[in-house]
């Protein structure tokens, strides 16, 4: 049986009801007095019918959050990676990294839905042995804290480079061992560090989006100016044994550059209608945008110094460090990447705080259900949030300052995080848990590839240590 909806005497979309579909039904003892020509209330206006969420809330805003979780300072290392792998090797590494990231994201979300998890750290509840639970949370905290430190250290070093390029000579202000700006970063950003939702950080993410496109265009212009057409073509097809040998390590760092697992549950819960189906378009859009940006940043960054590719081996910091101090285009790029370092810092401070809060009170960081602002926060929760934020900020200042003093830079920190911590937490553990429930070819392939790259890095590091 089908229904015809009438509005002002005209039929609306939908099938019709005719007499052949069955006998006419009327209430017993009553005559039908309905005027079929009068205006009926459209179904779309009936109160019980759910309204479709606005595009901004259901897609654009989550995409901004995903971009803010992914794009960061690792982009400055991509020219160095492409110089090592070659263009074809870079493309292979990037495609593999995207596929493994996607499998990891979907598996983590499915585990979250099945076991009602509110954050990534709650995966530890799936372990029966208390020691494993504690170890998982400690390693997860260490990863997030390391990313947070990479943002703080990069902010400190980029700001020193900016001041030095403008003629500042005071040793206290531009010395490579000064940690003044790490302290400044925490002090100025403290109000934002108190925020509890990623959507509260959208303004910083939007500025990061501007930095992303400026860096891409800037390197594209310099790459076109500083290399010939023949060099550009040769770089596209050239692949050597050394390039192939660099792919496993490149895969890990590029996987790091695409990862959003740290903030995956926050993005999921902030959707108007949280579901894996609704988050998939956000993931695909994020992967596609970042793939285009990373390819251009890596390729044109390498082509800007095509005749100095060997210098990338000695410059572990970033591609901007290879431009002269009087290059004003590079100066603007440094300023914008300074904002990106702030974005990285802010987006990883929240997960670090979540872990501590969950340990102190399981309900403190529970994501609100329904429209924003419907969940009332008690004075106790606000007070606890303040204390944890202050304690974590002081710890970050202390450890970040120590890294600056001993000379550790952005490349050193990301190398360790990407090759040792991320595969264990975001591939091995969640995929192994999921494989116990359901074995699928994508899960097995992702585990095998990540395991190979992980062992390659470990063995290479051990061999290098004994040389």
Foldseek 3Di string as FASTA:
>chain_A
DWPWADAQQDTDDTDHDDCVVDHDDDPPPDDDPDDPNYGDDDPVPDPVDDDDDDCCQLAVLLLLLLLLLFAFDLLQLLQLLCLQQFLVLLVVLLVLLLLLQVVLLVLQVVVCVVVVDQALLCLLVVDPDVVSSVVLLVLVLVLLLLLLLQLLQLLQQLQLLLCVLVPDDDCQRNPLLHSVVSVVLCVVCVVLLLDQASSVCSVLSVLLVVLLVLLLVLLLVLLPVQADPVLLVCSRPDGDPSSNLSNLLSSLSSSSSNHNNRCSSRSQQSRQDRDPVSCVVSSVVNSVVVVVSSSSSNSSLNSSPVVVSVVSVVPLAGSLVPDDSNPVSSSVSSVSSSSSSSSSNSVSSNSSLVSVVCVVPVPLSRRDHHDPPPDDDDPVSSVVSVVSSVVSSVVSSVVSSVCSNVPHHSSNSSSCSRQPRCCVSSQVVSLVVVVVVPNDPSNVVSNVSSVVSNVSVVVVVVVVVVD
